[in-house]
């Protein structure tokens, strides 16, 4: 969609609502020449870096072993 600067000023709130609802970009023109674009905000999400905690976290050898009281609780045999 394209609008003139005058239309953009006059209907700015409606244009923002339309962009927000549809995700459609609005091109703003001066004398029929594109000068700006109203686009939906899309936050930049940084890529995850694997191994960022390497050397800072230790997993103990008994990590997978549950205490007997916890095994009983999961089995419904707890207090």
PDB file of N, CA and C in Angstrom:
ATOM      1  N   UNK A   1       0.848  -1.170   0.000  1.00  0.00           N
ATOM      2  CA  UNK A   1       0.000   0.000   0.000  1.00  0.00           C
ATOM      3  C   UNK A   1       0.892   1.231   0.000  1.00  0.00           C
ATOM      4  N   UNK A   2       0.479   2.268  -0.678  1.00  0.00           N
ATOM      5  CA  UNK A   2       1.233   3.516  -0.739  1.00  0.00           C
ATOM      6  C   UNK A   2       0.301   4.687  -0.454  1.00  0.00           C
ATOM      7  N   UNK A   3       0.798   5.656   0.313  1.00  0.00           N
ATOM      8  CA  UNK A   3       0.014   6.849   0.641  1.00  0.00           C
ATOM      9  C   UNK A   3       0.902   8.077   0.513  1.00  0.00           C
ATOM     10  N   UNK A   4       0.255   9.223   0.349  1.00  0.00           N
ATOM     11  CA  UNK A   4       1.002  10.481   0.312  1.00  0.00           C
ATOM     12  C   UNK A   4       1.377  10.903   1.731  1.00  0.00           C
ATOM     13  N   UNK A   5       2.290  11.837   1.845  1.00  0.00           N
ATOM     14  CA  UNK A   5       2.665  12.345   3.166  1.00  0.00           C
ATOM     15  C   UNK A   5       1.450  12.945   3.861  1.00  0.00           C
ATOM     16  N   UNK A   6       0.626  13.657   3.111  1.00  0.00           N
ATOM     17  CA  UNK A   6      -0.574  14.262   3.680  1.00  0.00           C
ATOM     18  C   UNK A   6      -1.502  13.189   4.247  1.00  0.00           C
ATOM     19  N   UNK A   7      -1.735  12.105   3.472  1.00  0.00           N
ATOM     20  CA  UNK A   7      -2.579  11.013   3.957  1.00  0.00           C
ATOM     21  C   UNK A   7      -1.962  10.350   5.193  1.00  0.00           C
ATOM     22  N   UNK A   8      -0.649  10.197   5.183  1.00  0.00           N
ATOM     23  CA  UNK A   8       0.031   9.573   6.325  1.00  0.00           C
ATOM     24  C   UNK A   8      -0.151  10.414   7.581  1.00  0.00           C
ATOM     25  N   UNK A   9       0.000  11.750   7.448  1.00  0.00           N
ATOM     26  CA  UNK A   9      -0.196  12.627   8.612  1.00  0.00           C
ATOM     27  C   UNK A   9      -1.639  12.579   9.096  1.00  0.00           C
ATOM     28  N   UNK A  10      -2.567  12.613   8.159  1.00  0.00           N
ATOM     29  CA  UNK A  10      -3.987  12.659   8.505  1.00  0.00           C
ATOM     30  C   UNK A  10      -4.477  11.371   9.142  1.00  0.00           C
ATOM     31  N   UNK A  11      -3.973  10.224   8.679  1.00  0.00           N
ATOM     32  CA  UNK A  11      -4.482   8.930   9.118  1.00  0.00           C
ATOM     33  C   UNK A  11      -3.399   8.076   9.786  1.00  0.00           C
ATOM     34  N   UNK A  12      -2.461   8.738  10.467  1.00  0.00           N
ATOM     35  CA  UNK A  12      -1.312   8.020  11.026  1.00  0.00           C
ATOM     36  C   UNK A  12      -1.723   6.896  11.977  1.00  0.00           C
ATOM     37  N   UNK A  13      -2.640   7.171  12.890  1.00  0.00           N
ATOM     38  CA  UNK A  13      -3.080   6.151  13.849  1.00  0.00           C
ATOM     39  C   UNK A  13      -3.716   4.957  13.152  1.00  0.00           C
ATOM     40  N   UNK A  14      -4.551   5.234  12.146  1.00  0.00           N
ATOM     41  CA  UNK A  14      -5.184   4.141  11.409  1.00  0.00           C
ATOM     42  C   UNK A  14      -4.150   3.331  10.630  1.00  0.00           C
ATOM     43  N   UNK A  15      -3.152   4.000  10.050  1.00  0.00           N
ATOM     44  CA  UNK A  15      -2.103   3.295   9.314  1.00  0.00           C
ATOM     45  C   UNK A  15      -1.310   2.381  10.243  1.00  0.00           C
ATOM     46  N   UNK A  16      -0.981   2.881  11.438  1.00  0.00           N
ATOM     47  CA  UNK A  16      -0.256   2.051  12.398  1.00  0.00           C
ATOM     48  C   UNK A  16      -1.107   0.840  12.794  1.00  0.00           C
ATOM     49  N   UNK A  17      -2.382   1.048  13.041  1.00  0.00           N
ATOM     50  CA  UNK A  17      -3.273  -0.063  13.404  1.00  0.00           C
ATOM     51  C   UNK A  17      -3.345  -1.085  12.270  1.00  0.00           C
ATOM     52  N   UNK A  18      -3.390  -0.608  11.035  1.00  0.00           N
ATOM     53  CA  UNK A  18      -3.450  -1.510   9.882  1.00  0.00           C
ATOM     54  C   UNK A  18      -2.161  -2.314   9.753  1.00  0.00           C
ATOM     55  N   UNK A  19      -1.020  -1.649   9.895  1.00  0.00           N
ATOM     56  CA  UNK A  19       0.270  -2.345   9.813  1.00  0.00           C
ATOM     57  C   UNK A  19       0.378  -3.371  10.931  1.00  0.00           C
ATOM     58  N   UNK A  20      -0.067  -2.989  12.118  1.00  0.00           N
ATOM     59  CA  UNK A  20      -0.017  -3.887  13.267  1.00  0.00           C
ATOM     60  C   UNK A  20      -0.912  -5.109  13.056  1.00  0.00           C
ATOM     61  N   UNK A  21      -2.093  -4.892  12.495  1.00  0.00           N
ATOM     62  CA  UNK A  21      -3.057  -5.978  12.333  1.00  0.00           C
ATOM     63  C   UNK A  21      -2.716  -6.908  11.165  1.00  0.00           C
ATOM     64  N   UNK A  22      -2.230  -6.332  10.059  1.00  0.00           N
ATOM     65  CA  UNK A  22      -2.034  -7.137   8.846  1.00  0.00           C
ATOM     66  C   UNK A  22      -0.578  -7.480   8.566  1.00  0.00           C
ATOM     67  N   UNK A  23       0.346  -6.690   9.120  1.00  0.00           N
ATOM     68  CA  UNK A  23       1.756  -6.905   8.815  1.00  0.00           C
ATOM     69  C   UNK A  23       2.152  -6.314   7.482  1.00  0.00           C
ATOM     70  N   UNK A  24       1.223  -5.683   6.802  1.00  0.00           N
ATOM     71  CA  UNK A  24       1.484  -5.077   5.492  1.00  0.00           C
ATOM     72  C   UNK A  24       2.299  -3.795   5.652  1.00  0.00           C
ATOM     73  N   UNK A  25       3.264  -3.590   4.790  1.00  0.00           N
ATOM     74  CA  UNK A  25       4.076  -2.377   4.815  1.00  0.00           C
ATOM     75  C   UNK A  25       3.337  -1.250   4.094  1.00  0.00           C
ATOM     76  N   UNK A  26       3.550  -0.017   4.551  1.00  0.00           N
ATOM     77  CA  UNK A  26       2.955   1.152   3.913  1.00  0.00           C
ATOM     78  C   UNK A  26       4.095   2.042   3.433  1.00  0.00           C
ATOM     79  N   UNK A  27       4.099   2.340   2.141  1.00  0.00           N
ATOM     80  CA  UNK A  27       5.105   3.228   1.558  1.00  0.00           C
ATOM     81  C   UNK A  27       4.547   4.642   1.581  1.00  0.00           C
ATOM     82  N   UNK A  28       5.336   5.586   2.071  1.00  0.00           N
ATOM     83  CA  UNK A  28       4.919   6.988   2.130  1.00  0.00           C
ATOM     84  C   UNK A  28       5.637   7.728   1.007  1.00  0.00           C
ATOM     85  N   UNK A  29       4.855   8.458   0.211  1.00  0.00           N
ATOM     86  CA  UNK A  29       5.400   9.130  -0.981  1.00  0.00           C
ATOM     87  C   UNK A  29       5.299  10.644  -0.875  1.00  0.00           C
ATOM     88  N   UNK A  30       6.257  11.303  -1.496  1.00  0.00           N
ATOM     89  CA  UNK A  30       6.211  12.757  -1.678  1.00  0.00           C
ATOM     90  C   UNK A  30       6.238  12.990  -3.190  1.00  0.00           C
ATOM     91  N   UNK A  31       5.192  13.620  -3.706  1.00  0.00           N
ATOM     92  CA  UNK A  31       5.069  13.863  -5.151  1.00  0.00           C
ATOM     93  C   UNK A  31       5.245  12.559  -5.928  1.00  0.00           C
ATOM     94  N   UNK A  32       4.617  11.508  -5.424  1.00  0.00           N
ATOM     95  CA  UNK A  32       4.612  10.182  -6.033  1.00  0.00           C
ATOM     96  C   UNK A  32       5.971   9.480  -6.035  1.00  0.00           C
ATOM     97  N   UNK A  33       6.925   9.986  -5.238  1.00  0.00           N
ATOM     98  CA  UNK A  33       8.239   9.364  -5.110  1.00  0.00           C
ATOM     99  C   UNK A  33       8.341   8.765  -3.704  1.00  0.00           C
ATOM    100  N   UNK A  34       8.595   7.462  -3.583  1.00  0.00           N
ATOM    101  CA  UNK A  34       8.698   6.851  -2.250  1.00  0.00           C
ATOM    102  C   UNK A  34       9.826   7.483  -1.435  1.00  0.00           C
ATOM    103  N   UNK A  35       9.507   7.879  -0.184  1.00  0.00           N
ATOM    104  CA  UNK A  35      10.511   8.501   0.685  1.00  0.00           C
ATOM    105  C   UNK A  35      10.656   7.791   2.035  1.00  0.00           C
ATOM    106  N   UNK A  36       9.656   6.987   2.411  1.00  0.00           N
ATOM    107  CA  UNK A  36       9.711   6.305   3.708  1.00  0.00           C
ATOM    108  C   UNK A  36       8.820   5.078   3.655  1.00  0.00           C
ATOM    109  N   UNK A  37       9.017   4.219   4.670  1.00  0.00           N
ATOM    110  CA  UNK A  37       8.219   3.003   4.742  1.00  0.00           C
ATOM    111  C   UNK A  37       7.818   2.769   6.191  1.00  0.00           C
ATOM    112  N   UNK A  38       6.542   2.488   6.409  1.00  0.00           N
ATOM    113  CA  UNK A  38       6.022   2.141   7.726  1.00  0.00           C
ATOM    114  C   UNK A  38       5.893   0.623   7.751  1.00  0.00           C
ATOM    115  N   UNK A  39       6.660  -0.019   8.634  1.00  0.00           N
ATOM    116  CA  UNK A  39       6.705  -1.483   8.660  1.00  0.00           C
ATOM    117  C   UNK A  39       6.395  -1.989  10.053  1.00  0.00           C
ATOM    118  N   UNK A  40       5.905  -3.238  10.187  1.00  0.00           N
ATOM    119  CA  UNK A  40       5.669  -3.786  11.512  1.00  0.00           C
ATOM    120  C   UNK A  40       6.988  -4.020  12.237  1.00  0.00           C
ATOM    121  N   UNK A  41       6.954  -3.849  13.551  1.00  0.00           N
ATOM    122  CA  UNK A  41       8.151  -4.054  14.362  1.00  0.00           C
ATOM    123  C   UNK A  41       8.373  -5.538  14.545  1.00  0.00           C
ATOM    124  N   UNK A  42       9.565  -5.989  14.228  1.00  0.00           N
ATOM    125  CA  UNK A  42       9.946  -7.390  14.444  1.00  0.00           C
ATOM    126  C   UNK A  42      11.243  -7.378  15.241  1.00  0.00           C
ATOM    127  N   UNK A  43      11.182  -7.747  16.521  1.00  0.00           N
ATOM    128  CA  UNK A  43      12.399  -7.701  17.337  1.00  0.00           C
ATOM    129  C   UNK A  43      13.466  -8.654  16.791  1.00  0.00           C
ATOM    130  N   UNK A  44      14.698  -8.232  16.886  1.00  0.00           N
ATOM    131  CA  UNK A  44      15.811  -9.048  16.441  1.00  0.00           C
ATOM    132  C   UNK A  44      16.171 -10.015  17.566  1.00  0.00           C
ATOM    133  N   UNK A  45      16.136 -11.278  17.246  1.00  0.00           N
ATOM    134  CA  UNK A  45      16.469 -12.305  18.226  1.00  0.00           C
ATOM    135  C   UNK A  45      17.829 -12.872  17.854  1.00  0.00           C
ATOM    136  N   UNK A  46      18.756 -12.777  18.782  1.00  0.00           N
ATOM    137  CA  UNK A  46      20.107 -13.258  18.520  1.00  0.00           C
ATOM    138  C   UNK A  46      20.112 -14.781  18.414  1.00  0.00           C
ATOM    139  N   UNK A  47      20.947 -15.299  17.526  1.00  0.00           N
ATOM    140  CA  UNK A  47      21.098 -16.735  17.391  1.00  0.00           C
ATOM    141  C   UNK A  47      21.677 -17.307  18.676  1.00  0.00           C
ATOM    142  N   UNK A  48      21.214 -18.507  19.032  1.00  0.00           N
ATOM    143  CA  UNK A  48      21.740 -19.168  20.225  1.00  0.00           C
ATOM    144  C   UNK A  48      23.122 -19.712  19.920  1.00  0.00           C
ATOM    145  N   UNK A  49      24.003 -19.545  20.866  1.00  0.00           N
ATOM    146  CA  UNK A  49      25.359 -20.068  20.739  1.00  0.00           C
ATOM    147  C   UNK A  49      25.475 -21.291  21.634  1.00  0.00           C
ATOM    148  N   UNK A  50      25.737 -22.430  21.007  1.00  0.00           N
ATOM    149  CA  UNK A  50      25.868 -23.652  21.781  1.00  0.00           C
ATOM    150  C   UNK A  50      27.224 -23.694  22.467  1.00  0.00           C
ATOM    151  N   UNK A  51      27.254 -24.269  23.648  1.00  0.00           N
ATOM    152  CA  UNK A  51      28.510 -24.417  24.376  1.00  0.00           C
ATOM    153  C   UNK A  51      28.911 -23.182  25.157  1.00  0.00           C
ATOM    154  N   UNK A  52      27.983 -22.267  25.361  1.00  0.00           N
ATOM    155  CA  UNK A  52      28.303 -21.038  26.073  1.00  0.00           C
ATOM    156  C   UNK A  52      28.655 -21.237  27.533  1.00  0.00           C
ATOM    157  N   UNK A  53      28.214 -22.340  28.121  1.00  0.00           N
ATOM    158  CA  UNK A  53      28.494 -22.617  29.532  1.00  0.00           C
ATOM    159  C   UNK A  53      29.624 -23.626  29.692  1.00  0.00           C
ATOM    160  N   UNK A  54      30.232 -24.003  28.591  1.00  0.00           N
ATOM    161  CA  UNK A  54      31.289 -25.010  28.642  1.00  0.00           C
ATOM    162  C   UNK A  54      32.409 -24.582  29.587  1.00  0.00           C
ATOM    163  N   UNK A  55      32.779 -25.501  30.487  1.00  0.00           N
ATOM    164  CA  UNK A  55      33.818 -25.221  31.467  1.00  0.00           C
ATOM    165  C   UNK A  55      33.314 -24.524  32.710  1.00  0.00           C
ATOM    166  N   UNK A  56      32.058 -24.078  32.708  1.00  0.00           N
ATOM    167  CA  UNK A  56      31.497 -23.364  33.849  1.00  0.00           C
ATOM    168  C   UNK A  56      30.481 -24.210  34.621  1.00  0.00           C
ATOM    169  N   UNK A  57      30.015 -25.293  34.000  1.00  0.00           N
ATOM    170  CA  UNK A  57      29.009 -26.148  34.619  1.00  0.00           C
ATOM    171  C   UNK A  57      29.531 -27.571  34.634  1.00  0.00           C
ATOM    172  N   UNK A  58      29.343 -28.241  35.754  1.00  0.00           N
ATOM    173  CA  UNK A  58      29.766 -29.640  35.865  1.00  0.00           C
ATOM    174  C   UNK A  58      28.552 -30.499  36.168  1.00  0.00           C
ATOM    175  N   UNK A  59      28.440 -31.629  35.486  1.00  0.00           N
ATOM    176  CA  UNK A  59      27.376 -32.588  35.757  1.00  0.00           C
ATOM    177  C   UNK A  59      28.008 -33.751  36.490  1.00  0.00           C
ATOM    178  N   UNK A  60      27.541 -33.971  37.691  1.00  0.00           N
ATOM    179  CA  UNK A  60      28.119 -35.011  38.541  1.00  0.00           C
ATOM    180  C   UNK A  60      27.762 -36.408  38.035  1.00  0.00           C
ATOM    181  N   UNK A  61      28.563 -37.381  38.418  1.00  0.00           N
ATOM    182  CA  UNK A  61      28.376 -38.760  37.969  1.00  0.00           C
ATOM    183  C   UNK A  61      27.035 -39.339  38.404  1.00  0.00           C
ATOM    184  N   UNK A  62      26.519 -38.908  39.552  1.00  0.00           N
ATOM    185  CA  UNK A  62      25.261 -39.453  40.054  1.00  0.00           C
ATOM    186  C   UNK A  62      24.040 -38.635  39.615  1.00  0.00           C
ATOM    187  N   UNK A  63      24.162 -37.843  38.562  1.00  0.00           N
ATOM    188  CA  UNK A  63      23.093 -36.947  38.102  1.00  0.00           C
ATOM    189  C   UNK A  63      21.798 -37.706  37.817  1.00  0.00           C
ATOM    190  N   UNK A  64      21.881 -38.867  37.196  1.00  0.00           N
ATOM    191  CA  UNK A  64      20.693 -39.612  36.793  1.00  0.00           C
ATOM    192  C   UNK A  64      20.114 -40.483  37.895  1.00  0.00           C
ATOM    193  N   UNK A  65      20.734 -40.539  39.037  1.00  0.00           N
ATOM    194  CA  UNK A  65      20.264 -41.393  40.134  1.00  0.00           C
ATOM    195  C   UNK A  65      19.344 -40.608  41.063  1.00  0.00           C
ATOM    196  N   UNK A  66      18.110 -41.095  41.222  1.00  0.00           N
ATOM    197  CA  UNK A  66      17.166 -40.445  42.125  1.00  0.00           C
ATOM    198  C   UNK A  66      17.275 -41.060  43.512  1.00  0.00           C
ATOM    199  N   UNK A  67      17.180 -40.229  44.549  1.00  0.00           N
ATOM    200  CA  UNK A  67      17.133 -40.774  45.908  1.00  0.00           C
ATOM    201  C   UNK A  67      15.886 -41.654  46.066  1.00  0.00           C
ATOM    202  N   UNK A  68      15.974 -42.674  46.896  1.00  0.00           N
ATOM    203  CA  UNK A  68      14.867 -43.626  47.055  1.00  0.00           C
ATOM    204  C   UNK A  68      13.587 -42.936  47.530  1.00  0.00           C
ATOM    205  N   UNK A  69      13.695 -41.911  48.354  1.00  0.00           N
ATOM    206  CA  UNK A  69      12.500 -41.195  48.823  1.00  0.00           C
ATOM    207  C   UNK A  69      11.786 -40.525  47.648  1.00  0.00           C
ATOM    208  N   UNK A  70      12.534 -40.019  46.683  1.00  0.00           N
ATOM    209  CA  UNK A  70      11.932 -39.363  45.523  1.00  0.00           C
ATOM    210  C   UNK A  70      11.305 -40.404  44.591  1.00  0.00           C
ATOM    211  N   UNK A  71      11.954 -41.547  44.437  1.00  0.00           N
ATOM    212  CA  UNK A  71      11.384 -42.621  43.623  1.00  0.00           C
ATOM    213  C   UNK A  71      10.056 -43.047  44.235  1.00  0.00           C
ATOM    214  N   UNK A  72      10.019 -43.210  45.555  1.00  0.00           N
ATOM    215  CA  UNK A  72       8.776 -43.578  46.227  1.00  0.00           C
ATOM    216  C   UNK A  72       7.697 -42.524  46.036  1.00  0.00           C
ATOM    217  N   UNK A  73       8.076 -41.237  46.093  1.00  0.00           N
ATOM    218  CA  UNK A  73       7.115 -40.155  45.920  1.00  0.00           C
ATOM    219  C   UNK A  73       6.511 -40.166  44.513  1.00  0.00           C
ATOM    220  N   UNK A  74       7.352 -40.398  43.501  1.00  0.00           N
ATOM    221  CA  UNK A  74       6.846 -40.478  42.127  1.00  0.00           C
ATOM    222  C   UNK A  74       5.944 -41.695  41.936  1.00  0.00           C
ATOM    223  N   UNK A  75       6.202 -42.737  42.677  1.00  0.00           N
ATOM    224  CA  UNK A  75       5.389 -43.947  42.569  1.00  0.00           C
ATOM    225  C   UNK A  75       4.097 -43.847  43.380  1.00  0.00           C
ATOM    226  N   UNK A  76       3.942 -42.764  44.123  1.00  0.00           N
ATOM    227  CA  UNK A  76       2.731 -42.580  44.921  1.00  0.00           C
ATOM    228  C   UNK A  76       2.814 -43.235  46.280  1.00  0.00           C
ATOM    229  N   UNK A  77       4.014 -43.597  46.709  1.00  0.00           N
ATOM    230  CA  UNK A  77       4.184 -44.262  47.988  1.00  0.00           C
ATOM    231  C   UNK A  77       4.704 -43.321  49.070  1.00  0.00           C
ATOM    232  N   UNK A  78       4.664 -42.028  48.817  1.00  0.00           N
ATOM    233  CA  UNK A  78       5.201 -41.060  49.763  1.00  0.00           C
ATOM    234  C   UNK A  78       4.245 -40.757  50.886  1.00  0.00           C
ATOM    235  N   UNK A  79       4.653 -39.899  51.789  1.00  0.00           N
ATOM    236  CA  UNK A  79       3.827 -39.545  52.956  1.00  0.00           C
ATOM    237  C   UNK A  79       2.551 -38.830  52.588  1.00  0.00           C
TER     238      UNK A  79
END
